[in-house]
C-alpha atoms as a PDB file:
ATOM      1  CA  MET A   1      48.959 -57.029  24.994  1.00  0.00           C
ATOM      2  CA  SER A   2      50.258 -53.962  26.794  1.00  0.00           C
ATOM      3  CA  VAL A   3      52.424 -51.571  24.791  1.00  0.00           C
ATOM      4  CA  ARG A   4      54.716 -48.888  26.110  1.00  0.00           C
ATOM      5  CA  GLU A   5      56.268 -46.791  23.410  1.00  0.00           C
ATOM      6  CA  LEU A   6      56.908 -43.230  22.325  1.00  0.00           C
ATOM      7  CA  VAL A   7      55.515 -42.163  18.952  1.00  0.00           C
ATOM      8  CA  VAL A   8      57.466 -39.127  17.726  1.00  0.00           C
ATOM      9  CA  LEU A   9      55.253 -36.819  15.659  1.00  0.00           C
ATOM     10  CA  GLY A  10      57.594 -33.844  15.313  1.00  0.00           C
ATOM     11  CA  THR A  11      61.108 -32.839  16.361  1.00  0.00           C
ATOM     12  CA  ALA A  12      61.626 -29.234  15.219  1.00  0.00           C
ATOM     13  CA  SER A  13      62.029 -26.304  17.555  1.00  0.00           C
ATOM     14  CA  GLN A  14      60.767 -22.821  16.680  1.00  0.00           C
ATOM     15  CA  VAL A  15      60.853 -23.232  12.907  1.00  0.00           C
ATOM     16  CA  PRO A  16      59.803 -26.456  11.130  1.00  0.00           C
ATOM     17  CA  THR A  17      61.917 -27.733   8.267  1.00  0.00           C
ATOM     18  CA  ARG A  18      61.336 -29.918   5.233  1.00  0.00           C
ATOM     19  CA  HIS A  19      62.124 -32.959   7.356  1.00  0.00           C
ATOM     20  CA  ARG A  20      60.975 -31.907  10.828  1.00  0.00           C
ATOM     21  CA  ASN A  21      57.455 -31.035  11.873  1.00  0.00           C
ATOM     22  CA  HIS A  22      56.766 -28.918  14.922  1.00  0.00           C
ATOM     23  CA  ASN A  23      56.708 -30.807  18.219  1.00  0.00           C
ATOM     24  CA  GLY A  24      54.306 -33.623  19.022  1.00  0.00           C
ATOM     25  CA  TYR A  25      54.827 -36.813  21.036  1.00  0.00           C
ATOM     26  CA  LEU A  26      52.420 -39.598  21.917  1.00  0.00           C
ATOM     27  CA  LEU A  27      53.260 -41.899  24.800  1.00  0.00           C
ATOM     28  CA  ARG A  28      51.441 -45.223  24.687  1.00  0.00           C
ATOM     29  CA  TRP A  29      51.338 -46.554  28.238  1.00  0.00           C
ATOM     30  CA  ASP A  30      49.415 -49.819  28.209  1.00  0.00           C
ATOM     31  CA  GLY A  31      45.829 -48.768  27.482  1.00  0.00           C
ATOM     32  CA  ASP A  32      46.396 -45.032  27.882  1.00  0.00           C
ATOM     33  CA  GLY A  33      47.618 -42.491  25.349  1.00  0.00           C
ATOM     34  CA  ILE A  34      49.213 -39.217  26.455  1.00  0.00           C
ATOM     35  CA  LEU A  35      49.846 -36.519  23.852  1.00  0.00           C
ATOM     36  CA  PHE A  36      52.625 -34.100  24.757  1.00  0.00           C
ATOM     37  CA  ASP A  37      53.083 -30.631  23.235  1.00  0.00           C
ATOM     38  CA  PRO A  38      50.982 -30.749  20.057  1.00  0.00           C
ATOM     39  CA  GLY A  39      52.572 -28.156  17.811  1.00  0.00           C
ATOM     40  CA  GLU A  40      51.302 -27.000  14.447  1.00  0.00           C
ATOM     41  CA  GLY A  41      50.606 -29.916  12.103  1.00  0.00           C
ATOM     42  CA  THR A  42      50.153 -32.507  14.846  1.00  0.00           C
ATOM     43  CA  GLN A  43      46.779 -33.688  13.567  1.00  0.00           C
ATOM     44  CA  ARG A  44      48.281 -34.556  10.169  1.00  0.00           C
ATOM     45  CA  GLN A  45      51.312 -36.200  11.749  1.00  0.00           C
ATOM     46  CA  MET A  46      48.982 -38.357  13.815  1.00  0.00           C
ATOM     47  CA  LEU A  47      47.350 -39.582  10.616  1.00  0.00           C
ATOM     48  CA  ARG A  48      50.735 -40.366   9.088  1.00  0.00           C
ATOM     49  CA  ALA A  49      51.764 -42.268  12.224  1.00  0.00           C
ATOM     50  CA  GLY A  50      48.549 -44.260  12.416  1.00  0.00           C
ATOM     51  CA  VAL A  51      47.419 -42.554  15.621  1.00  0.00           C
ATOM     52  CA  ALA A  52      43.761 -41.650  16.184  1.00  0.00           C
ATOM     53  CA  VAL A  53      42.258 -39.201  18.660  1.00  0.00           C
ATOM     54  CA  HIS A  54      40.439 -42.197  20.134  1.00  0.00           C
ATOM     55  CA  ASP A  55      43.899 -43.269  21.363  1.00  0.00           C
ATOM     56  CA  LEU A  56      44.184 -40.175  23.568  1.00  0.00           C
ATOM     57  CA  ASN A  57      43.378 -39.992  27.272  1.00  0.00           C
ATOM     58  CA  ARG A  58      45.454 -36.955  28.228  1.00  0.00           C
ATOM     59  CA  ILE A  59      47.040 -33.934  26.606  1.00  0.00           C
ATOM     60  CA  CYS A  60      50.012 -32.393  28.411  1.00  0.00           C
ATOM     61  CA  VAL A  61      51.308 -28.983  27.340  1.00  0.00           C
ATOM     62  CA  THR A  62      54.609 -27.823  28.822  1.00  0.00           C
ATOM     63  CA  HIS A  63      54.184 -24.147  27.886  1.00  0.00           C
ATOM     64  CA  PHE A  64      52.454 -21.845  25.431  1.00  0.00           C
ATOM     65  CA  HIS A  65      55.004 -21.131  22.752  1.00  0.00           C
ATOM     66  CA  GLY A  66      53.578 -21.869  19.337  1.00  0.00           C
ATOM     67  CA  ASP A  67      55.792 -24.813  18.433  1.00  0.00           C
ATOM     68  CA  HIS A  68      54.428 -26.630  21.496  1.00  0.00           C
ATOM     69  CA  SER A  69      50.765 -25.695  21.387  1.00  0.00           C
ATOM     70  CA  LEU A  70      49.418 -24.380  18.053  1.00  0.00           C
ATOM     71  CA  GLY A  71      48.244 -27.881  17.144  1.00  0.00           C
ATOM     72  CA  LEU A  72      45.817 -27.906  20.066  1.00  0.00           C
ATOM     73  CA  ALA A  73      43.081 -26.260  18.002  1.00  0.00           C
ATOM     74  CA  GLY A  74      43.047 -28.981  15.365  1.00  0.00           C
ATOM     75  CA  VAL A  75      43.430 -31.873  17.805  1.00  0.00           C
ATOM     76  CA  ILE A  76      40.620 -30.643  20.057  1.00  0.00           C
ATOM     77  CA  GLN A  77      38.293 -30.081  17.115  1.00  0.00           C
ATOM     78  CA  ARG A  78      39.108 -33.567  15.797  1.00  0.00           C
ATOM     79  CA  ILE A  79      38.296 -35.034  19.227  1.00  0.00           C
ATOM     80  CA  ASN A  80      34.865 -33.438  18.949  1.00  0.00           C
ATOM     81  CA  LEU A  81      34.370 -34.341  15.275  1.00  0.00           C
ATOM     82  CA  ASP A  82      35.099 -38.008  16.025  1.00  0.00           C
ATOM     83  CA  LYS A  83      32.990 -37.892  19.220  1.00  0.00           C
ATOM     84  CA  VAL A  84      35.560 -39.633  21.390  1.00  0.00           C
ATOM     85  CA  PRO A  85      33.442 -41.500  23.962  1.00  0.00           C
ATOM     86  CA  HIS A  86      35.857 -41.437  26.912  1.00  0.00           C
ATOM     87  CA  ARG A  87      37.110 -38.561  29.010  1.00  0.00           C
ATOM     88  CA  ILE A  88      40.194 -36.687  27.836  1.00  0.00           C
ATOM     89  CA  THR A  89      42.005 -34.479  30.345  1.00  0.00           C
ATOM     90  CA  ALA A  90      44.207 -31.527  29.372  1.00  0.00           C
ATOM     91  CA  HIS A  91      47.078 -30.378  31.610  1.00  0.00           C
ATOM     92  CA  PHE A  92      48.798 -27.045  30.969  1.00  0.00           C
ATOM     93  CA  PRO A  93      50.297 -24.153  32.968  1.00  0.00           C
ATOM     94  CA  ARG A  94      47.492 -22.263  34.682  1.00  0.00           C
ATOM     95  CA  SER A  95      49.187 -18.978  33.780  1.00  0.00           C
ATOM     96  CA  GLY A  96      48.447 -19.833  30.131  1.00  0.00           C
ATOM     97  CA  GLN A  97      44.716 -20.375  30.589  1.00  0.00           C
ATOM     98  CA  ARG A  98      43.895 -17.528  28.188  1.00  0.00           C
ATOM     99  CA  PHE A  99      46.002 -19.155  25.470  1.00  0.00           C
ATOM    100  CA  PHE A 100      44.380 -22.540  26.030  1.00  0.00           C
ATOM    101  CA  ASP A 101      40.930 -20.945  25.800  1.00  0.00           C
ATOM    102  CA  ARG A 102      41.825 -19.178  22.552  1.00  0.00           C
ATOM    103  CA  LEU A 103      43.132 -22.381  21.003  1.00  0.00           C
ATOM    104  CA  ARG A 104      40.229 -24.484  22.234  1.00  0.00           C
ATOM    105  CA  TYR A 105      37.751 -22.067  20.671  1.00  0.00           C
ATOM    106  CA  ALA A 106      39.882 -20.774  17.811  1.00  0.00           C
ATOM    107  CA  THR A 107      37.102 -21.321  15.249  1.00  0.00           C
ATOM    108  CA  ALA A 108      33.471 -22.354  15.147  1.00  0.00           C
ATOM    109  CA  TYR A 109      32.742 -26.074  15.579  1.00  0.00           C
ATOM    110  CA  ARG A 110      30.216 -28.320  17.259  1.00  0.00           C
ATOM    111  CA  GLU A 111      31.397 -29.239  20.744  1.00  0.00           C
ATOM    112  CA  THR A 112      30.379 -32.846  21.442  1.00  0.00           C
ATOM    113  CA  VAL A 113      33.008 -33.885  24.005  1.00  0.00           C
ATOM    114  CA  ALA A 114      33.434 -32.544  27.526  1.00  0.00           C
ATOM    115  CA  LEU A 115      37.186 -32.033  27.561  1.00  0.00           C
ATOM    116  CA  THR A 116      38.379 -31.858  31.175  1.00  0.00           C
ATOM    117  CA  GLU A 117      40.777 -29.039  31.983  1.00  0.00           C
ATOM    118  CA  ALA A 118      43.279 -29.623  34.797  1.00  0.00           C
ATOM    119  CA  PRO A 119      45.702 -26.662  34.868  1.00  0.00           C
ATOM    120  CA  VAL A 120      49.084 -26.951  36.583  1.00  0.00           C
ATOM    121  CA  ASP A 121      50.345 -24.311  39.004  1.00  0.00           C
ATOM    122  CA  THR A 122      52.625 -26.197  41.388  1.00  0.00           C
ATOM    123  CA  ASP A 123      55.077 -29.074  41.569  1.00  0.00           C
ATOM    124  CA  GLY A 124      53.741 -32.482  42.488  1.00  0.00           C
ATOM    125  CA  PRO A 125      51.196 -35.158  41.503  1.00  0.00           C
ATOM    126  CA  LEU A 126      48.517 -34.274  38.948  1.00  0.00           C
ATOM    127  CA  ALA A 127      46.677 -37.566  38.558  1.00  0.00           C
ATOM    128  CA  ARG A 128      46.771 -41.144  39.813  1.00  0.00           C
ATOM    129  CA  THR A 129      45.601 -44.174  37.869  1.00  0.00           C
ATOM    130  CA  PRO A 130      46.162 -47.889  38.514  1.00  0.00           C
ATOM    131  CA  GLY A 131      49.007 -47.789  35.983  1.00  0.00           C
ATOM    132  CA  TYR A 132      50.869 -44.590  36.872  1.00  0.00           C
ATOM    133  CA  THR A 133      51.087 -41.350  38.795  1.00  0.00           C
ATOM    134  CA  LEU A 134      51.484 -38.237  36.618  1.00  0.00           C
ATOM    135  CA  GLU A 135      53.670 -35.546  38.171  1.00  0.00           C
ATOM    136  CA  ALA A 136      54.801 -32.057  37.156  1.00  0.00           C
ATOM    137  CA  ARG A 137      57.903 -29.977  37.919  1.00  0.00           C
ATOM    138  CA  LYS A 138      58.510 -26.339  37.072  1.00  0.00           C
ATOM    139  CA  LEU A 139      61.220 -25.576  34.518  1.00  0.00           C
ATOM    140  CA  SER A 140      63.253 -22.453  33.637  1.00  0.00           C
ATOM    141  CA  HIS A 141      62.082 -20.743  30.434  1.00  0.00           C
ATOM    142  CA  PRO A 142      61.093 -17.170  29.484  1.00  0.00           C
ATOM    143  CA  VAL A 143      57.428 -18.178  29.878  1.00  0.00           C
ATOM    144  CA  GLU A 144      56.146 -20.468  32.636  1.00  0.00           C
ATOM    145  CA  ALA A 145      56.839 -24.087  31.739  1.00  0.00           C
ATOM    146  CA  TYR A 146      56.384 -27.471  33.397  1.00  0.00           C
ATOM    147  CA  GLY A 147      57.858 -30.875  32.639  1.00  0.00           C
ATOM    148  CA  TYR A 148      55.949 -34.108  33.197  1.00  0.00           C
ATOM    149  CA  ARG A 149      56.835 -37.481  34.700  1.00  0.00           C
ATOM    150  CA  LEU A 150      55.021 -40.823  34.888  1.00  0.00           C
ATOM    151  CA  VAL A 151      55.830 -43.218  37.720  1.00  0.00           C
ATOM    152  CA  GLU A 152      54.457 -46.741  37.747  1.00  0.00           C
ATOM    153  CA  PRO A 153      53.744 -48.246  41.192  1.00  0.00           C
ATOM    154  CA  ASP A 154      56.278 -50.822  42.317  1.00  0.00           C
ATOM    155  CA  GLY A 155      55.185 -54.443  42.015  1.00  0.00           C
ATOM    156  CA  ARG A 156      56.661 -57.773  43.000  1.00  0.00           C
ATOM    157  CA  ARG A 157      58.601 -60.342  41.010  1.00  0.00           C
ATOM    158  CA  MET A 158      58.073 -63.993  41.965  1.00  0.00           C
ATOM    159  CA  LEU A 159      61.249 -66.033  42.531  1.00  0.00           C
ATOM    160  CA  PRO A 160      60.903 -69.600  41.165  1.00  0.00           C
ATOM    161  CA  ASP A 161      63.617 -71.111  43.366  1.00  0.00           C
ATOM    162  CA  ARG A 162      61.990 -69.832  46.556  1.00  0.00           C
ATOM    163  CA  LEU A 163      58.537 -70.911  45.393  1.00  0.00           C
ATOM    164  CA  ALA A 164      59.915 -74.388  44.694  1.00  0.00           C
ATOM    165  CA  ALA A 165      61.603 -74.531  48.100  1.00  0.00           C
ATOM    166  CA  HIS A 166      58.206 -73.988  49.729  1.00  0.00           C
ATOM    167  CA  GLY A 167      56.400 -76.354  47.339  1.00  0.00           C
ATOM    168  CA  ILE A 168      54.209 -73.622  45.888  1.00  0.00           C
ATOM    169  CA  THR A 169      53.180 -74.279  42.284  1.00  0.00           C
ATOM    170  CA  GLY A 170      50.360 -73.772  39.788  1.00  0.00           C
ATOM    171  CA  PRO A 171      47.233 -71.889  40.937  1.00  0.00           C
ATOM    172  CA  ASP A 172      48.669 -71.509  44.438  1.00  0.00           C
ATOM    173  CA  VAL A 173      51.126 -68.931  43.088  1.00  0.00           C
ATOM    174  CA  GLY A 174      48.275 -66.666  42.004  1.00  0.00           C
ATOM    175  CA  ARG A 175      46.481 -67.214  45.287  1.00  0.00           C
ATOM    176  CA  LEU A 176      49.592 -66.175  47.220  1.00  0.00           C
ATOM    177  CA  GLN A 177      49.902 -63.042  45.071  1.00  0.00           C
ATOM    178  CA  ARG A 178      46.287 -62.100  45.732  1.00  0.00           C
ATOM    179  CA  GLU A 179      46.104 -62.919  49.428  1.00  0.00           C
ATOM    180  CA  GLY A 180      49.671 -62.184  50.538  1.00  0.00           C
ATOM    181  CA  THR A 181      50.097 -65.412  52.493  1.00  0.00           C
ATOM    182  CA  LEU A 182      49.611 -69.125  51.912  1.00  0.00           C
ATOM    183  CA  GLY A 183      50.112 -71.903  54.440  1.00  0.00           C
ATOM    184  CA  GLY A 184      52.292 -69.679  56.589  1.00  0.00           C
ATOM    185  CA  VAL A 185      54.427 -68.500  53.667  1.00  0.00           C
ATOM    186  CA  THR A 186      54.317 -64.747  53.008  1.00  0.00           C
ATOM    187  CA  LEU A 187      54.587 -63.085  49.625  1.00  0.00           C
ATOM    188  CA  GLU A 188      57.743 -61.287  50.734  1.00  0.00           C
ATOM    189  CA  GLU A 189      59.488 -64.626  51.368  1.00  0.00           C
ATOM    190  CA  VAL A 190      59.139 -65.800  47.767  1.00  0.00           C
ATOM    191  CA  SER A 191      59.367 -62.552  45.789  1.00  0.00           C
ATOM    192  CA  GLU A 192      61.288 -59.323  45.446  1.00  0.00           C
ATOM    193  CA  VAL A 193      60.325 -55.753  44.663  1.00  0.00           C
ATOM    194  CA  ARG A 194      59.917 -55.068  40.948  1.00  0.00           C
ATOM    195  CA  ARG A 195      60.581 -51.389  40.426  1.00  0.00           C
ATOM    196  CA  GLY A 196      57.907 -49.557  38.458  1.00  0.00           C
ATOM    197  CA  GLN A 197      58.912 -47.906  35.197  1.00  0.00           C
ATOM    198  CA  ARG A 198      59.483 -44.166  34.990  1.00  0.00           C
ATOM    199  CA  PHE A 199      59.173 -41.783  32.051  1.00  0.00           C
ATOM    200  CA  ALA A 200      59.916 -38.062  31.876  1.00  0.00           C
ATOM    201  CA  PHE A 201      59.198 -35.371  29.296  1.00  0.00           C
ATOM    202  CA  VAL A 202      61.353 -32.233  29.516  1.00  0.00           C
ATOM    203  CA  MET A 203      61.019 -29.464  26.973  1.00  0.00           C
ATOM    204  CA  ASP A 204      62.176 -25.862  26.755  1.00  0.00           C
ATOM    205  CA  THR A 205      64.295 -25.097  29.806  1.00  0.00           C
ATOM    206  CA  ARG A 206      67.675 -24.115  31.139  1.00  0.00           C
ATOM    207  CA  LEU A 207      69.355 -26.409  33.629  1.00  0.00           C
ATOM    208  CA  CYS A 208      67.423 -26.216  36.899  1.00  0.00           C
ATOM    209  CA  ASP A 209      66.313 -28.355  39.833  1.00  0.00           C
ATOM    210  CA  GLY A 210      63.150 -29.357  38.001  1.00  0.00           C
ATOM    211  CA  VAL A 211      65.110 -30.967  35.162  1.00  0.00           C
ATOM    212  CA  TYR A 212      67.027 -33.214  37.554  1.00  0.00           C
ATOM    213  CA  ALA A 213      63.937 -34.097  39.594  1.00  0.00           C
ATOM    214  CA  LEU A 214      62.086 -35.170  36.464  1.00  0.00           C
ATOM    215  CA  ALA A 215      64.982 -37.195  35.063  1.00  0.00           C
ATOM    216  CA  GLU A 216      65.958 -39.039  38.247  1.00  0.00           C
ATOM    217  CA  GLY A 217      66.023 -42.799  37.706  1.00  0.00           C
ATOM    218  CA  CYS A 218      63.987 -42.726  34.497  1.00  0.00           C
ATOM    219  CA  ASP A 219      63.734 -45.661  32.146  1.00  0.00           C
ATOM    220  CA  MET A 220      63.163 -43.137  29.345  1.00  0.00           C
ATOM    221  CA  LEU A 221      63.887 -39.414  29.303  1.00  0.00           C
ATOM    222  CA  VAL A 222      62.608 -37.356  26.368  1.00  0.00           C
ATOM    223  CA  ILE A 223      64.449 -34.059  26.552  1.00  0.00           C
ATOM    224  CA  GLU A 224      65.101 -31.039  24.386  1.00  0.00           C
ATOM    225  CA  SER A 225      68.554 -30.433  22.958  1.00  0.00           C
ATOM    226  CA  THR A 226      67.863 -27.361  20.890  1.00  0.00           C
ATOM    227  CA  PHE A 227      71.518 -26.356  20.566  1.00  0.00           C
ATOM    228  CA  LEU A 228      74.903 -27.977  20.157  1.00  0.00           C
ATOM    229  CA  ASP A 229      77.477 -27.317  22.856  1.00  0.00           C
ATOM    230  CA  GLU A 230      79.324 -24.599  20.951  1.00  0.00           C
ATOM    231  CA  ASP A 231      76.156 -22.485  21.181  1.00  0.00           C
ATOM    232  CA  GLU A 232      75.684 -22.847  24.942  1.00  0.00           C
ATOM    233  CA  GLU A 233      75.496 -19.078  25.439  1.00  0.00           C
ATOM    234  CA  LEU A 234      72.486 -18.945  23.110  1.00  0.00           C
ATOM    235  CA  ALA A 235      70.920 -21.846  24.983  1.00  0.00           C
ATOM    236  CA  VAL A 236      71.194 -20.020  28.295  1.00  0.00           C
ATOM    237  CA  GLU A 237      69.928 -16.750  26.810  1.00  0.00           C
ATOM    238  CA  PHE A 238      66.819 -18.276  25.274  1.00  0.00           C
ATOM    239  CA  GLY A 239      66.092 -20.857  27.958  1.00  0.00           C
ATOM    240  CA  HIS A 240      67.202 -24.095  26.308  1.00  0.00           C
ATOM    241  CA  LEU A 241      69.613 -27.002  26.664  1.00  0.00           C
ATOM    242  CA  THR A 242      72.511 -28.239  24.572  1.00  0.00           C
ATOM    243  CA  ALA A 243      73.084 -31.863  23.597  1.00  0.00           C
ATOM    244  CA  GLY A 244      75.917 -32.153  26.100  1.00  0.00           C
ATOM    245  CA  GLN A 245      73.893 -30.645  28.927  1.00  0.00           C
ATOM    246  CA  ALA A 246      70.972 -32.992  28.271  1.00  0.00           C
ATOM    247  CA  ALA A 247      73.315 -35.979  28.179  1.00  0.00           C
ATOM    248  CA  ARG A 248      75.009 -35.026  31.443  1.00  0.00           C
ATOM    249  CA  VAL A 249      71.602 -34.785  33.107  1.00  0.00           C
ATOM    250  CA  ALA A 250      70.787 -38.276  31.841  1.00  0.00           C
ATOM    251  CA  ARG A 251      74.176 -39.595  32.955  1.00  0.00           C
ATOM    252  CA  ASP A 252      73.918 -38.163  36.462  1.00  0.00           C
ATOM    253  CA  ALA A 253      70.263 -39.210  36.846  1.00  0.00           C
ATOM    254  CA  ASP A 254      70.932 -42.848  35.840  1.00  0.00           C
ATOM    255  CA  VAL A 255      68.604 -42.653  32.827  1.00  0.00           C
ATOM    256  CA  ARG A 256      68.442 -45.881  30.848  1.00  0.00           C
ATOM    257  CA  HIS A 257      67.231 -44.533  27.474  1.00  0.00           C
ATOM    258  CA  LEU A 258      67.839 -40.928  26.440  1.00  0.00           C
ATOM    259  CA  VAL A 259      65.757 -39.445  23.617  1.00  0.00           C
ATOM    260  CA  LEU A 260      67.067 -36.120  22.264  1.00  0.00           C
ATOM    261  CA  THR A 261      64.691 -33.898  20.300  1.00  0.00           C
ATOM    262  CA  HIS A 262      63.555 -30.282  19.624  1.00  0.00           C
ATOM    263  CA  PHE A 263      66.400 -29.350  17.268  1.00  0.00           C
ATOM    264  CA  SER A 264      67.163 -25.872  15.978  1.00  0.00           C
ATOM    265  CA  GLN A 265      66.842 -25.450  12.230  1.00  0.00           C
ATOM    266  CA  ARG A 266      70.425 -24.140  12.148  1.00  0.00           C
ATOM    267  CA  TYR A 267      71.826 -27.700  12.331  1.00  0.00           C
ATOM    268  CA  TRP A 268      71.709 -30.116   9.428  1.00  0.00           C
ATOM    269  CA  ASP A 269      73.609 -33.140  10.813  1.00  0.00           C
ATOM    270  CA  PRO A 270      71.646 -35.084  13.504  1.00  0.00           C
ATOM    271  CA  ALA A 271      74.669 -37.303  14.128  1.00  0.00           C
ATOM    272  CA  GLU A 272      76.469 -34.403  15.785  1.00  0.00           C
ATOM    273  CA  PHE A 273      73.912 -34.432  18.626  1.00  0.00           C
ATOM    274  CA  GLU A 274      74.745 -38.077  19.271  1.00  0.00           C
ATOM    275  CA  ARG A 275      78.483 -37.416  19.152  1.00  0.00           C
ATOM    276  CA  GLN A 276      78.230 -34.617  21.690  1.00  0.00           C
ATOM    277  CA  ALA A 277      75.945 -36.641  23.958  1.00  0.00           C
ATOM    278  CA  ARG A 278      78.441 -39.511  24.006  1.00  0.00           C
ATOM    279  CA  ALA A 279      81.333 -37.099  24.539  1.00  0.00           C
ATOM    280  CA  ALA A 280      79.488 -35.841  27.625  1.00  0.00           C
ATOM    281  CA  GLY A 281      79.748 -39.304  29.137  1.00  0.00           C
ATOM    282  CA  TYR A 282      76.290 -40.772  28.640  1.00  0.00           C
ATOM    283  CA  GLU A 283      76.654 -44.526  28.056  1.00  0.00           C
ATOM    284  CA  GLY A 284      73.034 -45.715  28.064  1.00  0.00           C
ATOM    285  CA  GLU A 285      70.701 -46.278  25.140  1.00  0.00           C
ATOM    286  CA  LEU A 286      70.497 -43.140  23.003  1.00  0.00           C
ATOM    287  CA  THR A 287      68.045 -42.026  20.334  1.00  0.00           C
ATOM    288  CA  VAL A 288      68.338 -38.832  18.295  1.00  0.00           C
ATOM    289  CA  ALA A 289      64.675 -38.594  17.406  1.00  0.00           C
ATOM    290  CA  HIS A 290      63.256 -38.140  13.928  1.00  0.00           C
ATOM    291  CA  ASP A 291      59.676 -37.584  12.819  1.00  0.00           C
ATOM    292  CA  LEU A 292      57.305 -40.582  12.795  1.00  0.00           C
ATOM    293  CA  GLN A 293      59.740 -42.728  14.754  1.00  0.00           C
ATOM    294  CA  ARG A 294      58.535 -45.251  17.345  1.00  0.00           C
ATOM    295  CA  VAL A 295      60.744 -45.832  20.378  1.00  0.00           C
ATOM    296  CA  GLY A 296      59.921 -48.619  22.825  1.00  0.00           C
ATOM    297  CA  LEU A 297      60.533 -48.209  26.531  1.00  0.00           C
ATOM    298  CA  PRO A 298      63.326 -50.433  27.855  1.00  0.00           C
ATOM    299  CA  LYS A 299      62.447 -53.770  29.382  1.00  0.00           C
ATOM    300  CA  ARG A 300      61.974 -53.702  33.124  1.00  0.00           C
ATOM    301  CA  ARG A 301      65.070 -53.648  35.288  1.00  0.00           C
END
């Protein structure tokens, strides 16, 4: 059975706390696993969450600040220790190639897996699979950063009343789906477009065009909200978002499920992030993420 869910491995920003590990997020998308921003301690958090490196197909790093990338060394070495048999592709800003190389070869180990490197240096598609297209958009942070977006191809939803009107039942339905026409009846006559699901991952950034492009029409948006609204000046200075800013992006982009994360250690009450997000006018499903949480993508529209 296909599963689409977010496994939250860590939610802290620069400094971890007793209750928040550094960043780490695994997206299960049917048979694929995409690990975003493995910060320090990710390998252990994966064990606690019941996630194995065999579950990974891609690693996506938004930028090379430590809380988003120091876990790469351990994860890559574990991939080699466990001799993962399938290809794993790593995406990261090309400008940070030297950091990726240092983390990949941080210590001595036996390299048994040919990890594929696919650096990012421009907006647009990075990879296409039968289940999704992976895209990147540049963000606004003191170091070069990219956000990521998955877009599932549109499909078609069969309409029982129209099928019945044309007398199409049983195996003939599948035949019509495969061949596009049956006895003069076209697929378009008895179905409608089923919009593919969309997921976006937006970390350290100020408000910019890339944030809105990534968020547009998403079923789930995972986005940083490092600061509360009263500290907006700090957010702008250090290249981050507030809870209210993130929520307004989600509101304006028609996001169905907003996941707030990447919290500064200065705040002790997670509920305040939710209060400010609601005050900003976001009315969709809202999750203030905590470590080791699993969040399912919404059902199809």
